[in-house]
Amino acid sequence: MATTSSEPVTCVDFWCNEFGMRARIALREKRVPFEFVEEDLRVRHRSDLVRRMNPVHRSIPILIHGGRPVCGSMNIVEYVDDVWTQEEAEAGRLLPADPLERARARFWADFVDQKVYDAQTRFFTSRGEEKRAAMAELLGHLRRLEAVLGDKAFFGGDEFGFLDVALVPFSAMFYGYEQHGGVDMEAECPALVRWVKRCGEREGVREVLPSGLHMYQIHKEFYQIE
């Protein structure tokens, strides 16, 4: 039986999870009421709810819509975009209407997952020369994304969209890059920093993104950084 857009929505996530922020930003951008159920990632074992709703990966975020789970952060964003977009307002979509632009947005969202997140993790968990190399690689990935952004307001043009949702949660770690890596993000990626500020003016983003200080503090705990 098909699920309708009016059925109850629950988002299972942890407040500092960059991947889960995507789901919550998409929901708030679409003005979808939802219940937030926190799954503390500092606890080793996953809750019964997570094990039942995502038995394959036992990971978050999980969107539960009408009792049925949707898993995977960008999969959730696409689902939200499909279910809660007004048919008469194509501009309200997160994914572009053009198939080629949709494919490009998905490609770069995967780049964030595969390249940016991996380099970020190695930067925080390594030492010495390996840490410096990871920081240089991470900045290189961000500059590549900055080139994709170009002189546009958002990655898709004038409207906040799919790739913005994919990347903006990672901007909450920029403070950590500066504190832990001694870099100046405004000097290294000025256009990207300006984009972050534009995104932060949006209520749907502002309500979800934690402060850079809080993100750095919790990730110091995760990565056991002194």
C-alpha atoms as a PDB file:
ATOM      1  CA  MET A   1       0.000   0.000   0.000  1.00  0.00           C
ATOM      2  CA  ALA A   2       1.374   3.408  -0.968  1.00  0.00           C
ATOM      3  CA  THR A   3       2.442   5.855   1.743  1.00  0.00           C
ATOM      4  CA  THR A   4       0.815   9.291   1.602  1.00  0.00           C
ATOM      5  CA  SER A   5       2.556  12.588   2.341  1.00  0.00           C
ATOM      6  CA  SER A   6       0.194  13.252   5.278  1.00  0.00           C
ATOM      7  CA  GLU A   7       1.323  10.220   7.285  1.00  0.00           C
ATOM      8  CA  PRO A   8       3.563  10.777  10.346  1.00  0.00           C
ATOM      9  CA  VAL A   9       7.282  11.301   9.809  1.00  0.00           C
ATOM     10  CA  THR A  10      10.129  10.441  12.184  1.00  0.00           C
ATOM     11  CA  CYS A  11      13.816  11.159  11.675  1.00  0.00           C
ATOM     12  CA  VAL A  12      16.231   9.002  13.679  1.00  0.00           C
ATOM     13  CA  ASP A  13      19.601  10.715  13.911  1.00  0.00           C
ATOM     14  CA  PHE A  14      22.275  12.234  16.170  1.00  0.00           C
ATOM     15  CA  TRP A  15      22.576  16.010  16.354  1.00  0.00           C
ATOM     16  CA  CYS A  16      26.171  16.201  15.058  1.00  0.00           C
ATOM     17  CA  ASN A  17      25.878  13.624  12.274  1.00  0.00           C
ATOM     18  CA  GLU A  18      26.690  15.418   9.026  1.00  0.00           C
ATOM     19  CA  PHE A  19      24.868  12.776   7.008  1.00  0.00           C
ATOM     20  CA  GLY A  20      21.742  13.023   9.110  1.00  0.00           C
ATOM     21  CA  MET A  21      21.751  16.809   8.911  1.00  0.00           C
ATOM     22  CA  ARG A  22      21.032  16.383   5.221  1.00  0.00           C
ATOM     23  CA  ALA A  23      17.767  14.593   5.950  1.00  0.00           C
ATOM     24  CA  ARG A  24      16.702  17.172   8.536  1.00  0.00           C
ATOM     25  CA  ILE A  25      17.598  20.111   6.278  1.00  0.00           C
ATOM     26  CA  ALA A  26      15.582  18.588   3.431  1.00  0.00           C
ATOM     27  CA  LEU A  27      12.585  18.084   5.728  1.00  0.00           C
ATOM     28  CA  ARG A  28      12.767  21.652   7.018  1.00  0.00           C
ATOM     29  CA  GLU A  29      13.253  23.082   3.525  1.00  0.00           C
ATOM     30  CA  LYS A  30      10.058  21.294   2.517  1.00  0.00           C
ATOM     31  CA  ARG A  31       8.358  22.368   5.764  1.00  0.00           C
ATOM     32  CA  VAL A  32       7.541  18.771   6.657  1.00  0.00           C
ATOM     33  CA  PRO A  33       6.594  18.305  10.342  1.00  0.00           C
ATOM     34  CA  PHE A  34       8.587  15.450  11.860  1.00  0.00           C
ATOM     35  CA  GLU A  35       9.521  13.871  15.163  1.00  0.00           C
ATOM     36  CA  PHE A  36      13.234  13.809  15.925  1.00  0.00           C
ATOM     37  CA  VAL A  37      14.431  10.683  17.727  1.00  0.00           C
ATOM     38  CA  GLU A  38      18.032  10.953  18.830  1.00  0.00           C
ATOM     39  CA  GLU A  39      20.362   7.977  18.472  1.00  0.00           C
ATOM     40  CA  ASP A  40      23.515   8.733  20.469  1.00  0.00           C
ATOM     41  CA  LEU A  41      26.487   7.660  18.353  1.00  0.00           C
ATOM     42  CA  ARG A  42      28.707   7.749  21.420  1.00  0.00           C
ATOM     43  CA  VAL A  43      26.905   4.606  22.585  1.00  0.00           C
ATOM     44  CA  ARG A  44      28.483   1.546  21.011  1.00  0.00           C
ATOM     45  CA  HIS A  45      25.358  -0.556  20.479  1.00  0.00           C
ATOM     46  CA  ARG A  46      22.508   0.614  18.293  1.00  0.00           C
ATOM     47  CA  SER A  47      18.992   0.880  19.664  1.00  0.00           C
ATOM     48  CA  ASP A  48      16.236  -1.613  18.976  1.00  0.00           C
ATOM     49  CA  LEU A  49      14.553   0.976  16.756  1.00  0.00           C
ATOM     50  CA  VAL A  50      17.622   1.288  14.524  1.00  0.00           C
ATOM     51  CA  ARG A  51      18.126  -2.478  14.383  1.00  0.00           C
ATOM     52  CA  ARG A  52      14.511  -2.952  13.321  1.00  0.00           C
ATOM     53  CA  MET A  53      14.348  -0.117  10.828  1.00  0.00           C
ATOM     54  CA  ASN A  54      17.800  -0.573   9.270  1.00  0.00           C
ATOM     55  CA  PRO A  55      18.769  -4.216   9.899  1.00  0.00           C
ATOM     56  CA  VAL A  56      21.271  -4.246   7.010  1.00  0.00           C
ATOM     57  CA  HIS A  57      23.606  -1.417   8.063  1.00  0.00           C
ATOM     58  CA  ARG A  58      22.245  -0.543  11.532  1.00  0.00           C
ATOM     59  CA  SER A  59      23.164   3.070  10.839  1.00  0.00           C
ATOM     60  CA  ILE A  60      21.533   6.476  10.848  1.00  0.00           C
ATOM     61  CA  PRO A  61      19.922   8.614   9.549  1.00  0.00           C
ATOM     62  CA  ILE A  62      16.652   6.772   9.116  1.00  0.00           C
ATOM     63  CA  LEU A  63      13.461   8.398   7.896  1.00  0.00           C
ATOM     64  CA  ILE A  64      10.325   6.597   9.058  1.00  0.00           C
ATOM     65  CA  HIS A  65       7.291   7.607   7.036  1.00  0.00           C
ATOM     66  CA  GLY A  66       3.996   5.990   7.875  1.00  0.00           C
ATOM     67  CA  GLY A  67       5.864   3.265   9.738  1.00  0.00           C
ATOM     68  CA  ARG A  68       8.109   2.432   6.781  1.00  0.00           C
ATOM     69  CA  PRO A  69      11.857   3.178   6.807  1.00  0.00           C
ATOM     70  CA  VAL A  70      13.942   4.991   4.222  1.00  0.00           C
ATOM     71  CA  CYS A  71      17.701   4.685   4.795  1.00  0.00           C
ATOM     72  CA  GLY A  72      20.788   6.425   3.415  1.00  0.00           C
ATOM     73  CA  SER A  73      21.187  10.183   3.700  1.00  0.00           C
ATOM     74  CA  MET A  74      20.962  11.216   0.040  1.00  0.00           C
ATOM     75  CA  ASN A  75      18.390   8.509  -0.615  1.00  0.00           C
ATOM     76  CA  ILE A  76      16.286  10.177   2.089  1.00  0.00           C
ATOM     77  CA  VAL A  77      16.815  13.606   0.515  1.00  0.00           C
ATOM     78  CA  GLU A  78      15.582  12.310  -2.844  1.00  0.00           C
ATOM     79  CA  TYR A  79      12.611  10.635  -1.186  1.00  0.00           C
ATOM     80  CA  VAL A  80      11.658  13.838   0.618  1.00  0.00           C
ATOM     81  CA  ASP A  81      12.053  15.774  -2.627  1.00  0.00           C
ATOM     82  CA  ASP A  82       9.749  13.363  -4.451  1.00  0.00           C
ATOM     83  CA  VAL A  83       7.039  13.075  -1.804  1.00  0.00           C
ATOM     84  CA  TRP A  84       6.789  16.681  -0.639  1.00  0.00           C
ATOM     85  CA  THR A  85       7.182  18.730  -3.819  1.00  0.00           C
ATOM     86  CA  GLN A  86       4.189  20.649  -5.068  1.00  0.00           C
ATOM     87  CA  GLU A  87       3.471  19.470  -8.584  1.00  0.00           C
ATOM     88  CA  GLU A  88       2.794  23.003  -9.806  1.00  0.00           C
ATOM     89  CA  ALA A  89       6.053  24.420  -8.385  1.00  0.00           C
ATOM     90  CA  GLU A  90       9.043  22.784 -10.079  1.00  0.00           C
ATOM     91  CA  ALA A  91      11.272  25.482  -8.560  1.00  0.00           C
ATOM     92  CA  GLY A  92      10.544  23.926  -5.187  1.00  0.00           C
ATOM     93  CA  ARG A  93      12.442  20.780  -6.070  1.00  0.00           C
ATOM     94  CA  LEU A  94      15.862  20.074  -4.612  1.00  0.00           C
ATOM     95  CA  LEU A  95      17.009  18.026  -7.606  1.00  0.00           C
ATOM     96  CA  PRO A  96      17.177  19.863 -10.940  1.00  0.00           C
ATOM     97  CA  ALA A  97      14.498  19.164 -13.533  1.00  0.00           C
ATOM     98  CA  ASP A  98      17.033  18.533 -16.301  1.00  0.00           C
ATOM     99  CA  PRO A  99      18.249  14.885 -16.334  1.00  0.00           C
ATOM    100  CA  LEU A 100      21.859  15.861 -17.047  1.00  0.00           C
ATOM    101  CA  GLU A 101      21.920  18.369 -14.197  1.00  0.00           C
ATOM    102  CA  ARG A 102      20.339  15.767 -11.911  1.00  0.00           C
ATOM    103  CA  ALA A 103      23.093  13.321 -12.801  1.00  0.00           C
ATOM    104  CA  ARG A 104      25.765  15.948 -12.150  1.00  0.00           C
ATOM    105  CA  ALA A 105      24.275  16.837  -8.772  1.00  0.00           C
ATOM    106  CA  ARG A 106      24.264  13.156  -7.759  1.00  0.00           C
ATOM    107  CA  PHE A 107      27.856  12.763  -8.989  1.00  0.00           C
ATOM    108  CA  TRP A 108      29.150  15.606  -6.844  1.00  0.00           C
ATOM    109  CA  ALA A 109      27.109  14.514  -3.836  1.00  0.00           C
ATOM    110  CA  ASP A 110      28.849  11.142  -4.123  1.00  0.00           C
ATOM    111  CA  PHE A 111      32.168  13.002  -4.386  1.00  0.00           C
ATOM    112  CA  VAL A 112      31.424  14.602  -1.010  1.00  0.00           C
ATOM    113  CA  ASP A 113      30.733  11.184   0.505  1.00  0.00           C
ATOM    114  CA  GLN A 114      33.680   9.396  -1.059  1.00  0.00           C
ATOM    115  CA  LYS A 115      36.367  12.089  -1.089  1.00  0.00           C
ATOM    116  CA  VAL A 116      35.584  14.905   1.351  1.00  0.00           C
ATOM    117  CA  TYR A 117      34.420  12.704   4.225  1.00  0.00           C
ATOM    118  CA  ASP A 118      37.305  10.260   3.773  1.00  0.00           C
ATOM    119  CA  ALA A 119      39.938  13.019   3.762  1.00  0.00           C
ATOM    120  CA  GLN A 120      38.282  14.719   6.739  1.00  0.00           C
ATOM    121  CA  THR A 121      38.364  11.506   8.747  1.00  0.00           C
ATOM    122  CA  ARG A 122      42.026  10.877   7.944  1.00  0.00           C
ATOM    123  CA  PHE A 123      42.866  14.471   8.836  1.00  0.00           C
ATOM    124  CA  PHE A 124      41.396  14.139  12.317  1.00  0.00           C
ATOM    125  CA  THR A 125      42.685  10.627  13.038  1.00  0.00           C
ATOM    126  CA  SER A 126      46.244  10.787  11.690  1.00  0.00           C
ATOM    127  CA  ARG A 127      49.447  12.421  12.890  1.00  0.00           C
ATOM    128  CA  GLY A 128      52.457  14.223  11.509  1.00  0.00           C
ATOM    129  CA  GLU A 129      53.077  14.132   7.782  1.00  0.00           C
ATOM    130  CA  GLU A 130      50.036  11.954   7.159  1.00  0.00           C
ATOM    131  CA  LYS A 131      47.845  14.572   8.845  1.00  0.00           C
ATOM    132  CA  ARG A 132      49.345  17.383   6.765  1.00  0.00           C
ATOM    133  CA  ALA A 133      48.828  15.356   3.589  1.00  0.00           C
ATOM    134  CA  ALA A 134      45.206  14.669   4.523  1.00  0.00           C
ATOM    135  CA  MET A 135      44.604  18.378   5.166  1.00  0.00           C
ATOM    136  CA  ALA A 136      46.101  19.284   1.777  1.00  0.00           C
ATOM    137  CA  GLU A 137      43.942  16.639   0.108  1.00  0.00           C
ATOM    138  CA  LEU A 138      40.825  17.853   1.907  1.00  0.00           C
ATOM    139  CA  LEU A 139      41.437  21.447   0.831  1.00  0.00           C
ATOM    140  CA  GLY A 140      41.998  20.227  -2.716  1.00  0.00           C
ATOM    141  CA  HIS A 141      38.606  18.508  -2.709  1.00  0.00           C
ATOM    142  CA  LEU A 142      36.920  21.625  -1.346  1.00  0.00           C
ATOM    143  CA  ARG A 143      38.576  23.803  -3.980  1.00  0.00           C
ATOM    144  CA  ARG A 144      37.305  21.425  -6.650  1.00  0.00           C
ATOM    145  CA  LEU A 145      33.788  21.863  -5.280  1.00  0.00           C
ATOM    146  CA  GLU A 146      34.376  25.608  -5.157  1.00  0.00           C
ATOM    147  CA  ALA A 147      35.147  25.473  -8.893  1.00  0.00           C
ATOM    148  CA  VAL A 148      31.857  23.615  -9.458  1.00  0.00           C
ATOM    149  CA  LEU A 149      30.071  26.370  -7.528  1.00  0.00           C
ATOM    150  CA  GLY A 150      31.735  29.077  -9.614  1.00  0.00           C
ATOM    151  CA  ASP A 151      30.048  32.460  -9.314  1.00  0.00           C
ATOM    152  CA  LYS A 152      26.590  31.017  -8.665  1.00  0.00           C
ATOM    153  CA  ALA A 153      24.649  31.701  -5.479  1.00  0.00           C
ATOM    154  CA  PHE A 154      24.089  27.972  -4.938  1.00  0.00           C
ATOM    155  CA  PHE A 155      25.381  24.870  -6.670  1.00  0.00           C
ATOM    156  CA  GLY A 156      22.263  24.583  -8.817  1.00  0.00           C
ATOM    157  CA  GLY A 157      22.107  28.283  -9.638  1.00  0.00           C
ATOM    158  CA  ASP A 158      19.835  30.777  -7.913  1.00  0.00           C
ATOM    159  CA  GLU A 159      17.955  28.161  -5.884  1.00  0.00           C
ATOM    160  CA  PHE A 160      19.165  26.129  -2.909  1.00  0.00           C
ATOM    161  CA  GLY A 161      19.195  22.483  -3.967  1.00  0.00           C
ATOM    162  CA  PHE A 162      20.411  18.903  -3.790  1.00  0.00           C
ATOM    163  CA  LEU A 163      24.178  19.439  -3.780  1.00  0.00           C
ATOM    164  CA  ASP A 164      23.865  22.314  -1.307  1.00  0.00           C
ATOM    165  CA  VAL A 165      22.043  19.934   1.042  1.00  0.00           C
ATOM    166  CA  ALA A 166      24.762  17.313   0.528  1.00  0.00           C
ATOM    167  CA  LEU A 167      27.704  19.585   1.330  1.00  0.00           C
ATOM    168  CA  VAL A 168      26.537  22.246   3.770  1.00  0.00           C
ATOM    169  CA  PRO A 169      26.589  19.981   6.870  1.00  0.00           C
ATOM    170  CA  PHE A 170      30.340  19.574   6.373  1.00  0.00           C
ATOM    171  CA  SER A 171      30.760  23.340   6.644  1.00  0.00           C
ATOM    172  CA  ALA A 172      30.066  22.939  10.361  1.00  0.00           C
ATOM    173  CA  MET A 173      33.510  21.320  10.499  1.00  0.00           C
ATOM    174  CA  PHE A 174      35.338  24.315   8.989  1.00  0.00           C
ATOM    175  CA  TYR A 175      36.010  25.668  12.473  1.00  0.00           C
ATOM    176  CA  GLY A 176      37.581  22.319  13.348  1.00  0.00           C
ATOM    177  CA  TYR A 177      39.774  22.460  10.255  1.00  0.00           C
ATOM    178  CA  GLU A 178      41.024  25.862  11.357  1.00  0.00           C
ATOM    179  CA  GLN A 179      41.587  24.931  14.998  1.00  0.00           C
ATOM    180  CA  HIS A 180      43.117  21.535  14.359  1.00  0.00           C
ATOM    181  CA  GLY A 181      44.895  22.223  11.085  1.00  0.00           C
ATOM    182  CA  GLY A 182      45.900  25.844  11.432  1.00  0.00           C
ATOM    183  CA  VAL A 183      44.291  26.834   8.137  1.00  0.00           C
ATOM    184  CA  ASP A 184      42.263  29.921   7.286  1.00  0.00           C
ATOM    185  CA  MET A 185      39.199  28.664   5.438  1.00  0.00           C
ATOM    186  CA  GLU A 186      38.255  32.134   4.198  1.00  0.00           C
ATOM    187  CA  ALA A 187      41.676  32.498   2.625  1.00  0.00           C
ATOM    188  CA  GLU A 188      41.758  28.950   1.255  1.00  0.00           C
ATOM    189  CA  CYS A 189      38.191  28.732  -0.096  1.00  0.00           C
ATOM    190  CA  PRO A 190      36.695  32.255  -0.120  1.00  0.00           C
ATOM    191  CA  ALA A 191      33.806  31.516  -2.501  1.00  0.00           C
ATOM    192  CA  LEU A 192      32.851  28.427  -0.520  1.00  0.00           C
ATOM    193  CA  VAL A 193      32.846  30.403   2.727  1.00  0.00           C
ATOM    194  CA  ARG A 194      30.559  33.002   1.148  1.00  0.00           C
ATOM    195  CA  TRP A 195      28.288  30.164  -0.004  1.00  0.00           C
ATOM    196  CA  VAL A 196      28.185  28.818   3.562  1.00  0.00           C
ATOM    197  CA  LYS A 197      27.031  32.230   4.793  1.00  0.00           C
ATOM    198  CA  ARG A 198      24.268  32.326   2.175  1.00  0.00           C
ATOM    199  CA  CYS A 199      23.128  28.853   3.163  1.00  0.00           C
ATOM    200  CA  GLY A 200      23.154  29.872   6.821  1.00  0.00           C
ATOM    201  CA  GLU A 201      20.644  32.622   6.066  1.00  0.00           C
ATOM    202  CA  ARG A 202      18.074  29.939   5.272  1.00  0.00           C
ATOM    203  CA  GLU A 203      15.865  28.940   8.176  1.00  0.00           C
ATOM    204  CA  GLY A 204      15.939  25.278   7.174  1.00  0.00           C
ATOM    205  CA  VAL A 205      19.745  25.243   7.377  1.00  0.00           C
ATOM    206  CA  ARG A 206      20.112  27.512  10.382  1.00  0.00           C
ATOM    207  CA  GLU A 207      17.798  25.355  12.503  1.00  0.00           C
ATOM    208  CA  VAL A 208      19.843  22.227  11.827  1.00  0.00           C
ATOM    209  CA  LEU A 209      23.521  23.170  11.679  1.00  0.00           C
ATOM    210  CA  PRO A 210      25.287  23.196  15.058  1.00  0.00           C
ATOM    211  CA  SER A 211      27.992  25.722  15.815  1.00  0.00           C
ATOM    212  CA  GLY A 212      31.503  25.012  14.619  1.00  0.00           C
ATOM    213  CA  LEU A 213      32.699  25.013  18.228  1.00  0.00           C
ATOM    214  CA  HIS A 214      30.202  22.369  19.300  1.00  0.00           C
ATOM    215  CA  MET A 215      31.015  20.241  16.264  1.00  0.00           C
ATOM    216  CA  TYR A 216      34.733  20.448  16.965  1.00  0.00           C
ATOM    217  CA  GLN A 217      34.249  19.574  20.612  1.00  0.00           C
ATOM    218  CA  ILE A 218      32.157  16.477  19.914  1.00  0.00           C
ATOM    219  CA  HIS A 219      34.508  15.310  17.159  1.00  0.00           C
ATOM    220  CA  LYS A 220      37.476  15.714  19.481  1.00  0.00           C
ATOM    221  CA  GLU A 221      35.630  13.248  21.685  1.00  0.00           C
ATOM    222  CA  PHE A 222      34.886  10.917  18.767  1.00  0.00           C
ATOM    223  CA  TYR A 223      38.450  10.964  17.449  1.00  0.00           C
ATOM    224  CA  GLN A 224      40.098  11.192  20.876  1.00  0.00           C
ATOM    225  CA  ILE A 225      41.908  14.397  19.994  1.00  0.00           C
ATOM    226  CA  GLU A 226      43.747  16.168  22.786  1.00  0.00           C
END
